[in-house]
Amino acid sequence: MARLRLGPLLRYVDGSSATVWVEASRPCAAEVRCADGAGGETRTFQVAGHHYALIPVTGLAPGASTAYEVLLDGTTVWPLPGSPFPPSLIHTPAGDDATVRVAFGSCRWAAPPADEKDPVGPDALDTLAARLASDPGAERPDVLVLLGDQVYADETSKATRRWLAARRDLKDPPGNEVADYEEYTRLYYESWLDPEVRWLLSTVPSCMIFDDHDVIDDWNTSASWLADMRATPWWRERLLSGLMSYWVHQHLGNLPPERLATDPLYAAVRATPDGTDVLRTFASEADANPSSVRWSYRRDFGRVRLLMIDTRAARVLDEGNRAMLAPSEHAWLREQVLEGRGAPAPVPSGANGAATPPADSPAPYDHLLIGTSLPWLLPHLVHDAEAWNAALCRGERGDRWARFGEDLRRRADLEHWSAFPASFDALASLIAEVGSGPEAPATVCVLSGDVHHAYIAEPSWPKGASGPDARVLQLTCSPVHNSIPMSIKLGFHFGWSRVGRALGRRFAGHGGVPNPPIDWRRTGGPWFGNQLMTLTLRGRSARLRLDQARQEKGGGARLRTVVESELTR
């Protein structure tokens, strides 16, 4: 009999359809049955001895909520027998004018077992799950946006290290880091079999994108870094396994059903008894030619548009042409933000399953969310230090400074948007363009994580420049469950200070770095702790809330609201 090994994860949901991801113990028919009669069925596909299914659910009623169960070969495997949690539900939006709640964050170490002390404090996802489970009528997110570091391939737990040691000699590289596909699956089991998180992901739709730790710290920092890693014997297997496991566990569920129906890789993997070689060939091509694959994607929630962009694999690393996004990737981003706004931005056939509306159609969204794992706007000192470092590395001060700059870049993690100055400027220009004019959205919010704290920053354009009419905000929220040393906390506080800003300009002057095309100020934070931000979007209004997971004196944990504010003028 087939057993449920992992999942279910509720991934895509619209007004009439959904997808549910599962892993089974053997080949089987995977089915979802909803209490209202909706449902769907598909066969599992195999990768590296594991059996997965992304089950399409059709026939859902708009604006409704229905419980569902998962069956494998006709036997019910979810809900689990004796489960303490409420039924898993699929909520469908009522229409374009419905309220949309977007919860987001990044950087989650798997929580330890319930009987062990948690060294970094309560997990924000665990705590959110507990709140929703204890009060089924409580306000819940319509989508959970996870902005990277869903798993840590290079920072494994004690339990995983014991499991690895039973499998191979940890004296051999890569030691206690994961080495292959099977070891990646261990990370997903550890993270997603957490009882609270498992239930949460079964009932709240999710969008995901990778960051560096999903593969390795500072992944694709520079051309020099990449050359060194490619000369490392264990690197190729690690990278291919990371891309393969990401495609299976995270990327597939990001895509709408109509996109999946035309995806040639998905069809090829499902068409063969064992899709391992097909998927490995794909990953090899993605490594050799990053422009051959697009990990970025678009999701529309009524009149809210979310663009999740790949800021890791899509980089251009040549020092003379460094870019956070390859030209084709930036062109795709531009097409998606401008689509339907009367701008000549044709969408390639089949891209994201979205048809291009007529050029004179009204604005297709009231709010634009740009999901990028790495913050666009950083403390001024950090921004200027990264721009200065980029100038050194491309040789502005000579070879000796270039070598120093590369070493510093790796040691200090200087690889955010500000380390790619042309890309930083291009994003500022694109946001100003999309945020201007009669069809401008009410808000343009850049959602980010990575830096293990939360803050709000707001840019401003110089007088006389063509600045946006929309309110533009950098919303950074991290970690969901991780830690940050006190020295880094103090550094971020200093980075926002006047003294820090003045010091940053000294760095920039040494590298001949011009002033950025925009200025910005911190309007909230920094906040430190395990936390989630939630955007509540209705019509042209937007409200932001930051919740932190805090230990209660009597035991247990709960989410405490740290700040809540209106974003729209």
Protein backbone atom coordinates (compact mmCIF):
# COMPACT_ATOMS: atom_id res chain seq x y z
CA MET A 1 0.00 0.00 0.00
CA ALA A 2 1.29 3.47 -0.88
CA ARG A 3 2.04 5.76 2.06
CA LEU A 4 2.25 9.53 2.22
CA ARG A 5 5.91 10.41 2.81
CA LEU A 6 5.71 14.19 2.55
CA GLY A 7 2.99 16.78 2.10
CA PRO A 8 0.40 17.63 1.17
CA LEU A 9 1.39 21.17 0.23
CA LEU A 10 -1.32 23.43 -1.13
CA ARG A 11 0.50 25.47 -3.78
CA TYR A 12 -1.50 27.27 -6.48
CA VAL A 13 -5.09 28.46 -5.86
CA ASP A 14 -7.35 30.62 -8.02
CA GLY A 15 -11.11 31.04 -8.24
CA SER A 16 -11.81 27.55 -9.60
CA SER A 17 -8.65 25.43 -9.44
CA ALA A 18 -5.70 24.50 -7.24
CA THR A 19 -2.66 22.24 -7.13
CA VAL A 20 -1.62 20.00 -4.25
CA TRP A 21 1.92 18.55 -4.03
CA VAL A 22 2.70 15.20 -2.38
CA GLU A 23 5.42 12.59 -2.13
CA ALA A 24 4.32 8.93 -1.92
CA SER A 25 6.26 5.84 -0.89
CA ARG A 26 5.80 4.11 -4.26
CA PRO A 27 4.22 4.62 -7.70
CA CYS A 28 0.49 5.18 -7.36
CA ALA A 29 -2.53 7.24 -8.31
CA ALA A 30 -2.68 10.40 -6.19
CA GLU A 31 -6.07 12.02 -5.71
CA VAL A 32 -7.61 15.02 -3.96
CA ARG A 33 -11.28 14.89 -2.98
CA CYS A 34 -13.01 18.00 -1.69
CA ALA A 35 -16.07 18.11 0.51
CA ASP A 36 -17.94 20.17 -2.11
CA GLY A 37 -17.34 17.60 -4.87
CA ALA A 38 -14.33 19.25 -6.51
CA GLY A 39 -11.19 17.18 -6.94
CA GLY A 40 -8.52 15.80 -9.22
CA GLU A 41 -6.23 12.83 -9.80
CA THR A 42 -2.85 12.14 -11.39
CA ARG A 43 -0.14 9.48 -11.44
CA THR A 44 3.08 9.96 -9.53
CA PHE A 45 6.37 10.52 -11.33
CA GLN A 46 9.75 9.22 -10.19
CA VAL A 47 13.01 11.04 -9.52
CA ALA A 48 15.99 9.33 -7.85
CA GLY A 49 13.83 6.62 -6.32
CA HIS A 50 11.24 9.07 -4.95
CA HIS A 51 7.64 9.33 -6.13
CA TYR A 52 5.94 12.70 -6.45
CA ALA A 53 2.68 14.13 -7.72
CA LEU A 54 1.34 17.61 -8.30
CA ILE A 55 -2.40 16.99 -8.22
CA PRO A 56 -4.60 19.41 -10.21
CA VAL A 57 -7.86 20.24 -8.44
CA THR A 58 -10.72 21.56 -10.56
CA GLY A 59 -14.38 22.42 -10.04
CA LEU A 60 -13.84 24.71 -7.06
CA ALA A 61 -16.41 27.43 -6.39
CA PRO A 62 -15.19 31.05 -6.23
CA GLY A 63 -15.28 32.65 -2.81
CA ALA A 64 -15.72 29.32 -1.05
CA SER A 65 -13.86 27.22 1.49
CA THR A 66 -13.83 23.45 1.29
CA ALA A 67 -12.09 20.71 3.24
CA TYR A 68 -10.10 18.16 1.26
CA GLU A 69 -8.52 14.78 1.71
CA VAL A 70 -5.68 13.05 -0.14
CA LEU A 71 -5.94 9.47 -1.37
CA LEU A 72 -3.21 7.20 -2.74
CA ASP A 73 -4.52 4.30 -4.82
CA GLY A 74 -7.95 4.96 -3.35
CA THR A 75 -6.87 4.87 0.31
CA THR A 76 -7.18 8.02 2.39
CA VAL A 77 -3.77 9.14 3.70
CA TRP A 78 -4.60 12.72 4.69
CA PRO A 79 -5.79 13.93 7.18
CA LEU A 80 -3.58 11.76 9.36
CA PRO A 81 -5.44 9.48 11.77
CA GLY A 82 -5.95 11.18 15.13
CA SER A 83 -4.68 14.52 13.84
CA PRO A 84 -5.03 17.34 16.41
CA PHE A 85 -5.35 19.89 13.63
CA PRO A 86 -8.51 21.14 11.90
CA PRO A 87 -9.26 19.86 8.39
CA SER A 88 -7.05 21.19 5.61
CA LEU A 89 -9.03 23.68 3.55
CA ILE A 90 -8.84 25.20 0.09
CA HIS A 91 -10.01 28.83 0.14
CA THR A 92 -10.77 30.34 -3.25
CA PRO A 93 -10.87 34.10 -3.89
CA ALA A 94 -14.27 35.68 -4.39
CA GLY A 95 -13.17 37.92 -7.26
CA ASP A 96 -10.81 40.67 -8.32
CA ASP A 97 -12.01 43.01 -5.57
CA ALA A 98 -11.48 40.56 -2.73
CA THR A 99 -9.08 41.34 0.10
CA VAL A 100 -5.67 39.69 -0.42
CA ARG A 101 -3.43 38.92 2.56
CA VAL A 102 0.19 38.17 1.71
CA ALA A 103 2.43 36.86 4.51
CA PHE A 104 6.14 36.72 3.74
CA GLY A 105 9.56 36.03 5.18
CA SER A 106 12.74 34.05 4.59
CA CYS A 107 15.53 32.08 6.21
CA ARG A 108 14.13 29.14 8.15
CA TRP A 109 16.17 26.56 9.98
CA ALA A 110 14.07 23.49 10.65
CA ALA A 111 12.75 23.60 14.20
CA PRO A 112 14.10 20.94 16.59
CA PRO A 113 11.78 18.25 17.97
CA ALA A 114 9.20 19.51 20.46
CA ASP A 115 11.04 17.93 23.43
CA GLU A 116 14.29 19.81 22.65
CA LYS A 117 15.16 23.39 23.52
CA ASP A 118 15.13 25.69 20.53
CA PRO A 119 18.40 27.68 20.58
CA VAL A 120 17.08 30.44 18.30
CA GLY A 121 13.63 30.88 19.80
CA PRO A 122 10.18 29.92 18.54
CA ASP A 123 9.64 29.34 14.81
CA ALA A 124 7.37 31.99 13.26
CA LEU A 125 5.74 29.42 10.94
CA ASP A 126 5.12 27.01 13.81
CA THR A 127 3.60 29.84 15.80
CA LEU A 128 1.40 30.99 12.93
CA ALA A 129 0.18 27.42 12.48
CA ALA A 130 -0.66 27.13 16.17
CA ARG A 131 -2.67 30.35 16.05
CA LEU A 132 -4.67 29.28 13.00
CA ALA A 133 -5.25 25.77 14.34
CA SER A 134 -6.52 27.02 17.69
CA ASP A 135 -8.88 29.53 16.07
CA PRO A 136 -10.14 28.31 12.67
CA GLY A 137 -12.02 31.60 12.25
CA ALA A 138 -8.89 33.72 12.68
CA GLU A 139 -7.61 35.91 9.88
CA ARG A 140 -5.39 33.77 7.68
CA PRO A 141 -3.00 34.58 4.83
CA ASP A 142 -4.26 34.03 1.31
CA VAL A 143 -0.72 33.17 0.30
CA LEU A 144 2.55 32.52 2.10
CA VAL A 145 5.53 33.94 0.18
CA LEU A 146 8.80 32.24 1.16
CA LEU A 147 11.70 34.33 -0.12
CA GLY A 148 14.60 31.93 0.09
CA ASP A 149 16.63 29.63 2.32
CA GLN A 150 13.75 27.21 2.72
CA VAL A 151 16.44 24.60 3.42
CA TYR A 152 20.08 24.98 4.43
CA ALA A 153 22.31 22.71 2.38
CA ASP A 154 25.45 24.06 4.05
CA GLU A 155 24.27 24.39 7.68
CA THR A 156 22.77 21.09 8.76
CA SER A 157 21.24 20.24 12.14
CA LYS A 158 22.68 17.82 14.66
CA ALA A 159 20.07 15.24 13.70
CA THR A 160 20.90 15.55 10.01
CA ARG A 161 24.60 15.33 10.69
CA ARG A 162 24.02 12.07 12.56
CA TRP A 163 22.00 10.81 9.58
CA LEU A 164 24.77 11.86 7.18
CA ALA A 165 27.42 10.17 9.32
CA ALA A 166 25.52 6.89 9.09
CA ARG A 167 25.52 7.23 5.31
CA ARG A 168 29.11 8.32 4.55
CA ASP A 169 32.37 9.43 6.16
CA LEU A 170 32.02 13.08 7.16
CA LYS A 171 35.80 13.48 6.99
CA ASP A 172 35.42 13.52 3.22
CA PRO A 173 34.21 16.73 1.54
CA PRO A 174 31.67 18.25 1.73
CA GLY A 175 31.67 16.98 5.31
CA ASN A 176 28.45 17.70 7.19
CA GLU A 177 26.91 19.58 4.27
CA VAL A 178 24.59 17.78 1.86
CA ALA A 179 26.21 16.14 -1.14
CA ASP A 180 23.51 14.67 -3.40
CA TYR A 181 19.82 14.45 -4.18
CA GLU A 182 19.03 11.91 -1.48
CA GLU A 183 20.59 14.13 1.15
CA TYR A 184 18.54 17.08 -0.10
CA THR A 185 15.39 15.05 0.44
CA ARG A 186 16.45 14.65 4.07
CA LEU A 187 16.40 18.46 4.45
CA TYR A 188 12.87 18.69 3.10
CA TYR A 189 11.67 15.87 5.37
CA GLU A 190 13.20 17.60 8.38
CA SER A 191 11.66 20.95 7.48
CA TRP A 192 8.24 20.00 6.11
CA LEU A 193 7.39 17.08 8.40
CA ASP A 194 7.34 19.41 11.38
CA PRO A 195 3.69 18.77 12.42
CA GLU A 196 2.62 22.42 12.66
CA VAL A 197 4.39 23.46 9.47
CA ARG A 198 3.09 20.41 7.62
CA TRP A 199 -0.48 21.33 8.47
CA LEU A 200 0.09 25.03 7.71
CA LEU A 201 1.48 24.28 4.25
CA SER A 202 -1.46 21.95 3.58
CA THR A 203 -4.01 24.73 4.08
CA VAL A 204 -2.29 28.02 3.11
CA PRO A 205 -1.12 28.35 -0.53
CA SER A 206 2.57 29.10 -0.95
CA CYS A 207 4.94 30.74 -3.42
CA MET A 208 8.67 30.04 -3.12
CA ILE A 209 12.01 31.10 -4.57
CA PHE A 210 15.53 29.97 -3.70
CA ASP A 211 18.34 31.99 -2.16
CA ASP A 212 21.95 31.04 -1.57
CA HIS A 213 21.67 28.55 1.30
CA ASP A 214 19.28 26.42 -0.74
CA VAL A 215 22.52 25.56 -2.57
CA ILE A 216 25.47 27.14 -0.69
CA ASP A 217 26.28 30.40 1.10
CA ASP A 218 26.96 33.28 -1.34
CA TRP A 219 25.98 31.18 -4.35
CA ASN A 220 27.13 32.96 -7.54
CA THR A 221 28.84 35.83 -5.75
CA SER A 222 31.31 36.39 -8.59
CA ALA A 223 32.96 34.81 -11.63
CA SER A 224 36.04 34.11 -9.54
CA TRP A 225 33.94 32.40 -6.86
CA LEU A 226 32.19 30.26 -9.47
CA ALA A 227 35.49 29.21 -11.07
CA ASP A 228 36.83 28.14 -7.68
CA MET A 229 33.68 26.13 -6.94
CA ARG A 230 33.71 24.42 -10.34
CA ALA A 231 37.24 23.26 -9.56
CA THR A 232 35.98 21.65 -6.34
CA PRO A 233 35.33 17.90 -6.85
CA TRP A 234 32.03 17.71 -4.96
CA TRP A 235 30.51 20.94 -6.33
CA ARG A 236 28.91 19.67 -9.53
CA GLU A 237 26.90 16.96 -7.78
CA ARG A 238 25.84 19.42 -5.10
CA LEU A 239 24.67 22.02 -7.60
CA LEU A 240 22.82 19.60 -9.87
CA SER A 241 21.13 17.96 -6.88
CA GLY A 242 20.19 21.37 -5.52
CA LEU A 243 18.57 22.45 -8.79
CA MET A 244 16.84 19.12 -9.28
CA SER A 245 15.42 19.02 -5.75
CA TYR A 246 14.35 22.66 -5.99
CA TRP A 247 12.50 21.96 -9.25
CA VAL A 248 10.68 19.03 -7.68
CA HIS A 249 9.92 20.37 -4.22
CA GLN A 250 9.48 24.11 -4.81
CA HIS A 251 9.43 25.28 -8.42
CA LEU A 252 6.69 23.01 -9.82
CA GLY A 253 4.15 24.22 -7.31
CA ASN A 254 4.83 27.85 -8.20
CA LEU A 255 3.36 27.40 -11.66
CA PRO A 256 -0.33 27.70 -12.62
CA PRO A 257 -2.02 24.60 -14.08
CA GLU A 258 -2.14 26.04 -17.61
CA ARG A 259 1.61 26.65 -17.52
CA LEU A 260 2.23 23.11 -16.29
CA ALA A 261 0.10 21.72 -19.11
CA THR A 262 2.51 23.18 -21.67
CA ASP A 263 5.78 22.71 -19.79
CA PRO A 264 7.97 20.36 -21.86
CA LEU A 265 10.22 19.35 -18.95
CA TYR A 266 7.27 18.45 -16.73
CA ALA A 267 5.80 16.41 -19.58
CA ALA A 268 9.12 14.65 -20.24
CA VAL A 269 9.66 13.75 -16.59
CA ARG A 270 6.14 12.36 -16.30
CA ALA A 271 6.40 10.46 -19.59
CA THR A 272 9.29 8.25 -18.49
CA PRO A 273 9.27 5.57 -15.76
CA ASP A 274 12.24 7.31 -14.14
CA GLY A 275 12.72 11.02 -14.77
CA THR A 276 16.11 11.28 -13.03
CA ASP A 277 18.22 11.46 -16.18
CA VAL A 278 15.83 13.89 -17.88
CA LEU A 279 15.90 16.20 -14.87
CA ARG A 280 19.66 15.88 -14.45
CA THR A 281 20.21 16.85 -18.08
CA PHE A 282 18.01 19.89 -17.52
CA ALA A 283 19.99 20.88 -14.41
CA SER A 284 23.28 20.45 -16.29
CA GLU A 285 22.07 22.76 -19.04
CA ALA A 286 20.85 25.26 -16.44
CA ASP A 287 24.33 25.26 -14.92
CA ALA A 288 26.14 25.61 -18.25
CA ASN A 289 23.69 28.12 -19.71
CA PRO A 290 21.63 29.92 -17.04
CA SER A 291 19.57 31.72 -19.68
CA SER A 292 18.16 28.35 -20.79
CA VAL A 293 15.80 28.26 -17.81
CA ARG A 294 13.62 30.82 -16.08
CA TRP A 295 13.03 30.31 -12.37
CA SER A 296 11.23 33.65 -12.06
CA TYR A 297 7.45 33.58 -12.30
CA ARG A 298 4.31 35.66 -11.98
CA ARG A 299 1.21 35.16 -9.87
CA ASP A 300 -1.88 37.35 -9.96
CA PHE A 301 -4.23 37.53 -6.97
CA GLY A 302 -7.14 39.55 -8.27
CA ARG A 303 -5.75 43.05 -8.68
CA VAL A 304 -2.50 42.23 -6.89
CA ARG A 305 0.44 41.15 -9.05
CA LEU A 306 3.34 39.23 -7.55
CA LEU A 307 6.56 38.87 -9.54
CA MET A 308 9.03 36.48 -7.93
CA ILE A 309 12.43 37.02 -9.48
CA ASP A 310 15.50 34.82 -9.45
CA THR A 311 18.44 36.83 -8.13
CA ARG A 312 20.83 33.87 -7.85
CA ALA A 313 20.97 31.69 -10.96
CA ALA A 314 20.11 34.52 -13.39
CA ARG A 315 23.15 36.67 -12.59
CA VAL A 316 25.76 37.88 -15.06
CA LEU A 317 29.10 37.48 -13.27
CA ASP A 318 31.58 38.92 -15.77
CA GLU A 319 33.22 41.84 -13.92
CA GLY A 320 32.82 44.17 -16.87
CA ASN A 321 29.11 43.42 -17.27
CA ARG A 322 27.93 42.35 -13.83
CA ALA A 323 24.16 42.22 -13.50
CA MET A 324 21.76 40.84 -10.92
CA LEU A 325 19.50 39.82 -13.81
CA ALA A 326 20.62 38.68 -17.24
CA PRO A 327 19.29 40.87 -20.08
CA SER A 328 16.60 38.33 -20.99
CA GLU A 329 15.53 38.12 -17.34
CA HIS A 330 15.30 41.90 -16.98
CA ALA A 331 13.31 42.04 -20.24
CA TRP A 332 10.90 39.45 -18.83
CA LEU A 333 10.52 41.49 -15.63
CA ARG A 334 9.81 44.62 -17.63
CA GLU A 335 7.21 42.82 -19.74
CA GLN A 336 5.42 41.52 -16.68
CA VAL A 337 5.27 44.82 -14.79
CA LEU A 338 4.09 46.76 -17.84
CA GLU A 339 1.66 44.24 -19.28
CA GLY A 340 -1.76 45.74 -19.81
CA ARG A 341 -0.71 49.31 -19.01
CA GLY A 342 -0.84 50.58 -22.57
CA ALA A 343 2.91 50.04 -22.98
CA PRO A 344 4.36 48.01 -25.87
CA ALA A 345 5.31 45.03 -23.74
CA PRO A 346 4.38 41.82 -25.61
CA VAL A 347 4.43 38.61 -23.62
CA PRO A 348 6.15 35.62 -25.26
CA SER A 349 3.77 32.85 -26.28
CA GLY A 350 2.92 30.65 -23.33
CA ALA A 351 4.81 32.77 -20.79
CA ASN A 352 3.23 32.04 -17.41
CA GLY A 353 0.03 31.01 -19.14
CA ALA A 354 -0.99 34.68 -19.34
CA ALA A 355 -2.58 36.31 -22.34
CA THR A 356 -1.68 39.92 -23.18
CA PRO A 357 -4.71 42.19 -22.75
CA PRO A 358 -5.43 44.89 -25.35
CA ALA A 359 -3.10 47.87 -25.21
CA ASP A 360 -5.94 50.20 -24.16
CA SER A 361 -7.15 47.96 -21.32
CA PRO A 362 -7.26 49.41 -17.78
CA ALA A 363 -4.46 48.79 -15.32
CA PRO A 364 -4.52 45.08 -14.46
CA TYR A 365 -3.48 45.57 -10.86
CA ASP A 366 -3.70 47.98 -7.95
CA HIS A 367 -0.58 46.71 -6.17
CA LEU A 368 2.71 45.40 -7.53
CA LEU A 369 4.80 43.11 -5.35
CA ILE A 370 8.35 42.35 -6.48
CA GLY A 371 9.68 39.34 -4.60
CA THR A 372 13.48 39.28 -4.51
CA SER A 373 15.32 37.30 -1.87
CA LEU A 374 17.95 40.05 -1.56
CA PRO A 375 16.95 43.56 -0.43
CA TRP A 376 17.07 46.31 -3.02
CA LEU A 377 17.46 49.11 -0.47
CA LEU A 378 19.99 48.50 2.32
CA PRO A 379 21.43 50.71 5.07
CA HIS A 380 23.37 53.49 3.35
CA LEU A 381 26.73 52.37 4.69
CA VAL A 382 26.18 48.83 3.40
CA HIS A 383 24.96 50.10 0.03
CA ASP A 384 27.99 52.33 -0.49
CA ALA A 385 30.40 49.66 0.76
CA GLU A 386 29.01 47.17 -1.77
CA ALA A 387 29.12 49.69 -4.63
CA TRP A 388 32.71 50.60 -3.65
CA ASN A 389 33.65 46.94 -3.52
CA ALA A 390 32.14 46.36 -6.98
CA ALA A 391 34.28 49.20 -8.33
CA LEU A 392 37.41 47.71 -6.79
CA CYS A 393 36.66 44.26 -8.18
CA ARG A 394 36.24 45.54 -11.72
CA GLY A 395 39.67 47.16 -11.46
CA GLU A 396 38.90 50.84 -10.88
CA ARG A 397 41.83 51.11 -8.44
CA GLY A 398 44.16 48.59 -10.04
CA ASP A 399 44.92 44.88 -9.72
CA ARG A 400 46.02 44.95 -6.08
CA TRP A 401 42.80 46.59 -4.97
CA ALA A 402 40.84 44.20 -7.21
CA ARG A 403 42.32 41.20 -5.41
CA PHE A 404 41.56 42.81 -2.06
CA GLY A 405 38.02 43.58 -3.21
CA GLU A 406 37.31 39.99 -4.25
CA ASP A 407 38.54 38.65 -0.93
CA LEU A 408 36.45 41.21 0.96
CA ARG A 409 33.39 40.50 -1.19
CA ARG A 410 33.46 36.83 -0.21
CA ARG A 411 34.26 37.39 3.46
CA ALA A 412 31.66 40.11 4.03
CA ASP A 413 28.85 38.82 1.75
CA LEU A 414 28.89 41.94 -0.40
CA GLU A 415 26.56 40.69 -3.13
CA HIS A 416 23.18 42.39 -2.85
CA TRP A 417 21.57 44.67 -5.45
CA SER A 418 23.98 47.46 -4.52
CA ALA A 419 26.89 45.20 -5.52
CA PHE A 420 25.40 45.24 -9.04
CA PRO A 421 25.09 49.03 -9.51
CA ALA A 422 23.69 48.95 -13.04
CA SER A 423 20.98 46.52 -11.94
CA PHE A 424 20.17 48.65 -8.90
CA ASP A 425 19.71 51.68 -11.15
CA ALA A 426 17.69 49.71 -13.71
CA LEU A 427 15.25 48.51 -11.06
CA ALA A 428 14.86 52.07 -9.74
CA SER A 429 14.10 53.25 -13.28
CA LEU A 430 11.60 50.47 -13.92
CA ILE A 431 9.79 51.10 -10.63
CA ALA A 432 9.56 54.82 -11.44
CA GLU A 433 8.13 53.97 -14.86
CA VAL A 434 5.54 51.48 -13.68
CA GLY A 435 4.60 53.65 -10.71
CA SER A 436 3.87 56.76 -12.80
CA GLY A 437 0.88 57.98 -14.75
CA PRO A 438 -2.88 57.50 -14.56
CA GLU A 439 -2.62 53.71 -14.65
CA ALA A 440 -0.05 53.52 -11.84
CA PRO A 441 -0.69 51.06 -9.03
CA ALA A 442 -1.29 52.43 -5.55
CA THR A 443 1.83 50.71 -4.21
CA VAL A 444 4.98 49.08 -5.49
CA CYS A 445 6.49 46.95 -2.72
CA VAL A 446 9.82 45.15 -2.96
CA LEU A 447 9.59 42.09 -0.69
CA SER A 448 12.91 40.72 0.54
CA GLY A 449 14.60 38.69 3.26
CA ASP A 450 18.16 37.35 3.64
CA VAL A 451 19.56 39.83 6.18
CA HIS A 452 18.08 38.28 9.37
CA HIS A 453 16.15 41.34 10.50
CA ALA A 454 13.18 43.40 9.37
CA TYR A 455 12.85 47.01 8.30
CA ILE A 456 10.92 49.36 6.05
CA ALA A 457 12.69 51.77 3.70
CA GLU A 458 11.15 54.31 1.34
CA PRO A 459 12.95 55.75 -1.70
CA SER A 460 12.65 59.28 -3.04
CA TRP A 461 13.58 60.62 -6.45
CA PRO A 462 15.52 63.88 -6.93
CA LYS A 463 13.61 67.09 -7.53
CA GLY A 464 12.97 67.50 -11.21
CA ALA A 465 13.31 63.76 -11.86
CA SER A 466 10.39 61.69 -13.04
CA GLY A 467 9.47 60.01 -9.78
CA PRO A 468 6.55 57.60 -9.35
CA ASP A 469 3.02 58.48 -8.25
CA ALA A 470 2.70 55.11 -6.49
CA ARG A 471 4.05 54.72 -2.99
CA VAL A 472 7.23 52.65 -3.25
CA LEU A 473 8.54 50.64 -0.28
CA GLN A 474 11.28 48.18 0.50
CA LEU A 475 9.76 45.65 2.93
CA THR A 476 12.39 43.33 4.36
CA CYS A 477 11.45 40.49 6.71
CA SER A 478 13.86 37.84 7.96
CA PRO A 479 14.36 35.42 9.59
CA VAL A 480 11.39 33.12 9.97
CA HIS A 481 13.52 30.92 12.23
CA ASN A 482 17.22 31.70 12.56
CA SER A 483 19.56 33.96 14.50
CA ILE A 484 21.85 36.96 14.14
CA PRO A 485 24.90 37.80 16.29
CA MET A 486 24.93 40.99 18.33
CA SER A 487 27.82 42.39 16.29
CA ILE A 488 25.72 42.26 13.12
CA LYS A 489 22.76 43.85 14.93
CA LEU A 490 24.95 46.75 15.98
CA GLY A 491 26.36 46.97 12.47
CA PHE A 492 22.92 47.36 10.90
CA HIS A 493 21.96 50.04 13.42
CA PHE A 494 25.17 51.91 12.62
CA GLY A 495 24.65 51.45 8.89
CA TRP A 496 21.48 53.57 9.01
CA SER A 497 23.07 56.33 11.14
CA ARG A 498 24.34 59.69 9.87
CA VAL A 499 27.88 58.72 10.77
CA GLY A 500 27.50 55.42 8.93
CA ARG A 501 26.14 57.23 5.90
CA ALA A 502 29.06 59.66 5.88
CA LEU A 503 31.52 56.78 6.17
CA GLY A 504 29.82 55.05 3.27
CA ARG A 505 30.29 58.08 1.05
CA ARG A 506 34.00 58.02 1.89
CA PHE A 507 34.16 54.44 0.63
CA ALA A 508 32.23 55.41 -2.49
CA GLY A 509 34.55 58.33 -3.15
CA HIS A 510 37.60 56.07 -2.97
CA GLY A 511 36.11 53.85 -5.65
CA GLY A 512 34.89 56.73 -7.82
CA VAL A 513 31.29 55.58 -7.29
CA PRO A 514 28.67 58.18 -8.24
CA ASN A 515 25.68 58.91 -6.06
CA PRO A 516 22.79 56.49 -6.67
CA PRO A 517 19.91 57.87 -8.76
CA ILE A 518 17.58 57.83 -5.75
CA ASP A 519 17.77 58.49 -2.05
CA TRP A 520 15.93 56.53 0.63
CA ARG A 521 15.22 56.59 4.32
CA ARG A 522 14.39 53.98 6.90
CA THR A 523 10.79 54.44 8.03
CA GLY A 524 10.52 51.41 10.29
CA GLY A 525 12.83 49.09 12.21
CA PRO A 526 15.24 47.51 12.40
CA TRP A 527 13.44 44.70 14.21
CA PHE A 528 15.22 41.54 15.28
CA GLY A 529 13.61 38.16 16.01
CA ASN A 530 11.78 35.33 14.30
CA GLN A 531 9.06 37.12 12.36
CA LEU A 532 6.63 37.43 9.48
CA MET A 533 5.25 40.46 7.67
CA THR A 534 1.69 40.51 6.34
CA LEU A 535 0.33 42.84 3.68
CA THR A 536 -3.44 43.28 3.60
CA LEU A 537 -4.48 44.64 0.20
CA ARG A 538 -8.00 45.68 -0.74
CA GLY A 539 -8.83 47.95 -3.63
CA ARG A 540 -6.25 50.75 -3.58
CA SER A 541 -5.55 50.42 0.16
CA ALA A 542 -2.63 48.60 1.73
CA ARG A 543 -1.87 47.80 5.35
CA LEU A 544 1.30 46.24 6.78
CA ARG A 545 1.73 44.23 9.98
CA LEU A 546 4.87 42.72 11.49
CA ASP A 547 4.42 39.81 13.90
CA GLN A 548 7.18 38.26 15.99
CA ALA A 549 7.13 34.78 17.52
CA ARG A 550 7.76 35.17 21.25
CA GLN A 551 8.05 32.68 24.04
CA GLU A 552 5.32 32.94 26.66
CA LYS A 553 6.14 32.84 30.38
CA GLY A 554 3.76 29.98 30.98
CA GLY A 555 5.16 27.94 28.11
CA GLY A 556 4.41 27.87 24.42
CA ALA A 557 4.77 30.74 21.98
CA ARG A 558 2.54 33.21 20.24
CA LEU A 559 2.75 35.84 17.54
CA ARG A 560 2.90 39.37 18.92
CA THR A 561 2.23 42.35 16.66
CA VAL A 562 5.21 44.71 16.73
CA VAL A 563 3.97 47.30 14.26
CA GLU A 564 0.91 47.86 12.10
CA SER A 565 0.46 50.76 9.72
CA GLU A 566 -1.35 52.02 6.65
CA LEU A 567 0.86 52.18 3.57
CA THR A 568 -1.38 54.06 1.16
CA ARG A 569 -1.67 57.80 1.29
